[in-house]
Protein backbone atom coordinates (compact mmCIF):
# COMPACT_ATOMS: atom_id res chain seq x y z
CA MET A 1 -0.13 207.68 221.15
CA LYS A 2 3.24 207.76 222.43
CA SER A 3 1.95 205.74 225.43
CA TYR A 4 0.30 203.49 223.42
CA LEU A 5 2.93 202.62 221.05
CA ALA A 6 5.62 202.18 223.96
CA PHE A 7 2.94 199.87 226.02
CA THR A 8 2.30 197.87 222.77
CA LYS A 9 5.92 197.31 222.01
CA LYS A 10 6.23 196.16 225.46
CA GLU A 11 3.39 193.59 224.95
CA PHE A 12 5.37 192.30 221.81
CA THR A 13 8.29 192.18 223.94
CA GLU A 14 6.53 190.14 226.57
CA TYR A 15 5.25 187.68 224.08
CA ILE A 16 8.89 187.11 222.76
CA ARG A 17 10.43 186.75 226.02
CA THR A 18 7.74 184.46 227.80
CA TYR A 19 8.02 182.20 224.28
CA LYS A 20 4.46 182.60 223.88
CA ALA A 21 4.80 183.90 220.22
CA LEU A 22 6.94 180.97 219.38
CA ILE A 23 4.55 178.60 221.09
CA LEU A 24 1.50 179.74 219.23
CA ILE A 25 3.05 180.08 215.98
CA SER A 26 4.87 176.86 216.31
CA VAL A 27 1.83 174.96 217.21
CA PHE A 28 -0.48 176.58 214.36
CA PHE A 29 2.48 175.83 211.76
CA VAL A 30 2.36 172.45 212.94
CA PHE A 31 -1.66 172.10 212.45
CA GLY A 32 -0.82 173.50 208.77
CA ILE A 33 1.48 170.74 207.98
CA ILE A 34 -0.21 167.90 209.80
CA SER A 35 -3.78 168.58 208.51
CA PRO A 36 -3.45 167.75 204.75
CA VAL A 37 -0.59 164.92 205.78
CA ALA A 38 -3.46 163.21 207.90
CA ALA A 39 -5.93 163.68 205.32
CA LYS A 40 -3.41 161.92 202.54
CA MET A 41 -2.44 158.83 204.89
CA MET A 42 -5.80 158.53 206.56
CA PRO A 43 -6.99 155.71 203.82
CA LYS A 44 -3.41 153.97 204.20
CA LEU A 45 -3.51 153.86 207.89
CA MET A 46 -7.28 152.54 207.84
CA SER A 47 -6.71 149.71 205.21
CA GLY A 48 -3.97 148.38 207.61
CA VAL A 49 -6.55 147.81 210.40
CA PRO A 50 -7.30 144.49 210.54
CA ILE A 51 -11.11 144.16 211.17
CA GLU A 52 -12.18 140.33 211.14
CA GLY A 53 -14.99 139.90 208.80
CA ILE A 54 -15.45 143.77 207.65
CA THR A 55 -14.51 145.14 204.55
CA ILE A 56 -13.54 148.91 204.87
CA THR A 57 -13.83 150.93 201.38
CA ILE A 58 -12.31 154.46 201.98
CA PRO A 59 -12.60 156.94 199.17
CA ASN A 60 -9.62 158.52 197.81
CA PRO A 61 -8.72 161.94 199.70
CA THR A 62 -9.55 164.99 198.36
CA SER A 63 -8.26 168.84 199.24
CA ILE A 64 -11.39 168.98 201.10
CA ASP A 65 -10.58 166.36 203.47
CA ALA A 66 -7.12 168.36 203.95
CA TYR A 67 -9.26 171.40 205.13
CA SER A 68 -11.70 169.54 206.99
CA GLN A 69 -8.93 168.23 209.13
CA PHE A 70 -7.67 171.80 209.36
CA PHE A 71 -10.82 173.32 210.69
CA LYS A 72 -11.27 170.45 213.12
CA ASN A 73 -7.74 170.95 214.43
CA MET A 74 -8.10 174.62 214.69
CA THR A 75 -11.51 174.85 216.15
CA GLN A 76 -10.51 172.14 218.88
CA MET A 77 -6.98 172.15 219.84
CA GLY A 78 -6.08 175.58 218.34
CA LEU A 79 -8.86 177.29 220.38
CA ILE A 80 -7.65 175.65 223.67
CA VAL A 81 -3.96 176.56 222.79
CA MET A 82 -5.48 180.23 221.86
CA LEU A 83 -7.53 180.41 225.24
CA LEU A 84 -4.28 179.34 227.52
CA ILE A 85 -1.75 182.03 225.49
CA PHE A 86 -4.11 184.81 225.97
CA SER A 87 -6.24 184.38 228.82
CA GLY A 88 -3.60 185.56 231.38
CA THR A 89 -2.59 188.66 229.36
CA LEU A 90 -4.27 190.89 231.87
CA SER A 91 -4.75 189.11 235.02
CA GLN A 92 -1.42 187.70 235.64
CA GLU A 93 -0.07 191.33 235.26
CA LEU A 94 -2.50 192.32 237.79
CA SER A 95 -1.62 189.68 240.04
CA ARG A 96 2.17 190.12 239.78
CA GLY A 97 1.55 193.87 240.63
CA THR A 98 3.56 195.27 237.75
CA LEU A 99 0.53 196.85 236.20
CA ILE A 100 -0.58 198.61 239.02
CA ASN A 101 2.70 200.36 239.65
CA MET A 102 2.75 201.59 235.76
CA LEU A 103 -0.95 202.80 236.06
CA SER A 104 -0.12 204.82 239.35
CA LYS A 105 2.67 206.44 237.35
CA GLY A 106 0.03 207.89 234.81
CA LEU A 107 -0.60 205.04 232.37
CA ARG A 108 -4.09 205.11 231.14
CA ARG A 109 -6.40 202.36 231.61
CA ARG A 110 -7.71 202.41 228.13
CA THR A 111 -4.32 202.54 226.78
CA VAL A 112 -3.49 198.82 228.77
CA ILE A 113 -6.55 197.27 226.89
CA LEU A 114 -6.01 198.78 223.62
CA SER A 115 -2.40 197.87 223.46
CA LYS A 116 -2.87 194.06 225.03
CA PHE A 117 -5.73 193.72 222.31
CA THR A 118 -3.39 195.08 219.49
CA ALA A 119 -0.53 192.61 220.48
CA SER A 120 -3.12 189.81 221.02
CA PHE A 121 -4.87 190.61 217.67
CA THR A 122 -1.57 190.76 215.95
CA LEU A 123 -0.22 187.59 217.31
CA TRP A 124 -3.38 185.59 216.55
CA THR A 125 -3.60 186.80 212.70
CA VAL A 126 0.38 186.14 212.10
CA SER A 127 -0.05 182.87 213.77
CA TYR A 128 -3.46 181.57 211.77
CA ALA A 129 -1.92 183.00 208.64
CA VAL A 130 1.23 180.96 208.95
CA SER A 131 -1.19 177.88 209.67
CA ALA A 132 -3.80 178.67 206.70
CA ILE A 133 -0.55 179.20 204.18
CA THR A 134 1.10 176.20 205.32
CA CYS A 135 -1.89 174.09 204.84
CA TYR A 136 -2.44 175.61 201.59
CA GLY A 137 0.91 174.95 200.04
CA TYR A 138 0.95 171.21 201.31
CA THR A 139 -2.57 170.80 199.98
CA ILE A 140 -1.53 171.77 196.60
CA TYR A 141 1.72 169.76 196.91
CA LEU A 142 -0.28 166.62 197.85
CA PHE A 143 -3.58 166.91 195.99
CA LYS A 144 -4.49 167.50 192.31
CA ASN A 145 -7.88 168.87 192.81
CA SER A 146 -6.69 171.58 195.24
CA ASN A 147 -9.24 174.55 193.75
CA ILE A 148 -12.01 174.72 196.45
CA SER A 149 -14.57 177.37 196.14
CA ASN A 150 -15.44 179.53 199.24
CA LEU A 151 -11.90 178.56 200.62
CA PHE A 152 -10.83 182.20 201.36
CA PHE A 153 -13.93 183.15 202.95
CA SER A 154 -14.19 180.07 204.77
CA LEU A 155 -10.51 180.87 206.30
CA PHE A 156 -11.75 184.59 206.99
CA CYS A 157 -14.66 183.38 208.93
CA LEU A 158 -12.56 181.34 211.23
CA TRP A 159 -9.93 184.29 211.74
CA LEU A 160 -12.97 186.70 212.55
CA PHE A 161 -14.27 184.08 215.12
CA GLY A 162 -10.90 184.25 216.89
CA CYS A 163 -10.95 187.82 217.02
CA PHE A 164 -14.42 187.84 218.52
CA THR A 165 -12.83 185.08 221.02
CA LEU A 166 -9.98 187.58 221.80
CA SER A 167 -12.75 190.17 223.08
CA VAL A 168 -14.42 187.78 224.62
CA ILE A 169 -11.23 186.99 226.71
CA PHE A 170 -10.69 190.42 227.47
CA ILE A 171 -14.15 191.22 228.86
CA SER A 172 -13.84 188.06 230.95
CA SER A 173 -10.72 189.19 232.44
CA THR A 174 -11.92 192.65 233.09
CA LEU A 175 -15.09 191.15 234.98
CA THR A 176 -13.14 188.40 237.05
CA TYR A 177 -10.45 188.22 239.27
CA GLY A 178 -7.56 185.78 240.08
CA ASN A 179 -5.11 184.02 237.23
CA PHE A 180 -7.90 181.66 236.04
CA GLY A 181 -11.06 183.85 236.17
CA GLY A 182 -11.16 184.99 232.49
CA LEU A 183 -10.21 181.66 231.49
CA ILE A 184 -13.13 180.21 233.01
CA LEU A 185 -15.69 182.86 232.21
CA THR A 186 -14.43 182.63 228.55
CA ALA A 187 -14.89 178.96 228.66
CA VAL A 188 -18.41 179.17 229.78
CA ILE A 189 -19.51 181.92 227.30
CA LEU A 190 -18.10 179.99 224.51
CA GLY A 191 -19.94 176.73 225.94
CA VAL A 192 -23.28 178.48 226.13
CA MET A 193 -22.93 179.72 222.55
CA LEU A 194 -22.19 176.26 221.44
CA ILE A 195 -25.23 174.74 223.15
CA LEU A 196 -27.29 177.78 221.44
CA ASN A 197 -25.82 176.63 218.24
CA VAL A 198 -28.13 173.57 218.48
CA PHE A 199 -31.07 175.58 217.55
CA PRO A 200 -31.22 176.19 213.91
CA LYS A 201 -33.27 179.70 214.22
CA LEU A 202 -30.36 180.97 216.32
CA GLU A 203 -27.44 180.02 214.16
CA LYS A 204 -27.08 183.02 212.45
CA PHE A 205 -27.14 185.21 215.62
CA ASN A 206 -24.45 183.22 217.09
CA PRO A 207 -20.84 183.88 216.20
CA ILE A 208 -19.59 180.49 216.76
CA THR A 209 -21.49 179.58 213.62
CA LEU A 210 -18.52 181.02 211.67
CA ALA A 211 -16.41 178.33 213.47
CA SER A 212 -18.87 175.40 212.67
CA ASP A 213 -20.05 175.99 208.81
CA ASN A 214 -16.47 175.92 207.28
CA LEU A 215 -16.95 172.57 205.91
CA GLY A 216 -20.45 173.61 204.50
CA LEU A 217 -18.88 176.35 202.72
CA LEU A 218 -16.47 174.41 201.02
CA LYS A 219 -18.87 171.86 199.89
CA GLY A 220 -21.39 174.59 198.78
CA THR A 221 -24.12 173.63 201.12
CA VAL A 222 -23.98 176.84 202.93
CA LYS A 223 -23.87 179.71 200.66
CA THR A 224 -21.67 182.97 201.82
CA THR A 225 -24.70 185.03 201.73
CA ASP A 226 -25.98 182.81 204.58
CA LEU A 227 -23.47 184.03 206.81
CA SER A 228 -23.75 187.91 206.12
CA ILE A 229 -25.75 188.51 209.33
CA THR A 230 -23.51 186.56 211.28
CA ILE A 231 -20.36 188.17 210.11
CA TRP A 232 -21.86 191.75 210.64
CA LEU A 233 -22.98 190.95 214.08
CA THR A 234 -19.56 189.37 215.10
CA LEU A 235 -17.95 192.62 214.05
CA VAL A 236 -20.33 194.73 216.10
CA LEU A 237 -20.01 192.56 219.07
CA THR A 238 -16.43 192.37 219.03
CA ILE A 239 -16.04 196.23 219.08
CA ILE A 240 -18.69 196.34 221.70
CA LEU A 241 -16.89 193.85 223.82
CA LEU A 242 -13.84 195.86 223.72
CA VAL A 243 -15.18 198.82 224.24
CA SER A 244 -16.88 197.29 227.21
CA SER A 245 -13.60 195.74 228.56
CA ILE A 246 -12.26 199.29 228.79
CA VAL A 247 -15.20 200.67 230.44
CA ALA A 248 -15.28 197.53 233.09
CA PHE A 249 -11.49 198.03 233.42
CA ASN A 250 -11.80 201.77 234.27
CA LYS A 251 -14.27 200.87 237.20
CA LYS A 252 -12.51 197.95 238.55
CA LYS A 253 -10.86 198.10 241.83
CA LEU A 254 -7.17 197.06 241.89
């Protein structure tokens, strides 16, 4: 337990020292601000665009538009930033040789994976919470009709998908070599999942559904019960991938 706590503390220190924590929290904070602001300003911006012979009628924006922008930002740019921040968590230390030195002094390999996942999980959760709370506050301020059904459930689904993505990053990093191997394999896995989500019968068995049905939950076209299987499956897969990362790292030649 002492080695786990010590190595986890070292990971947090590393995130702070390399400014990764500051970058992720800052970027997500900006997403939380610009999402409701962009939704509020969009009609004015579009009405100012001169299009000869065409009359553009844009309905007044609502709080749903703000969260639609939020989920779009988080599942596109947010995911890219997340991959760039966390993909090198394991591979960069291996390439520098610092991790090999610690392992040779008796540090258990499973401790490395668990500590790194704990630090990554915490940073992701804090960054996401900052973004969601900021968006929630600005949406209440800018829009009168800010009460939305299934909002917190929808936010939870995206958070859970982020946790699943972390587990994919870790298993990818343990199965590959080089600084970019884990990033490439993670991108391939997520790309395959995105393609498979085109088939309706596979949606409830695909974790990426948690990041694509957010707007449907807010509008009521998707029920919370529709995602029950997806949520439990994602939880199980996250645990399986984390355990598999430990097993694979134990067998990996350094």
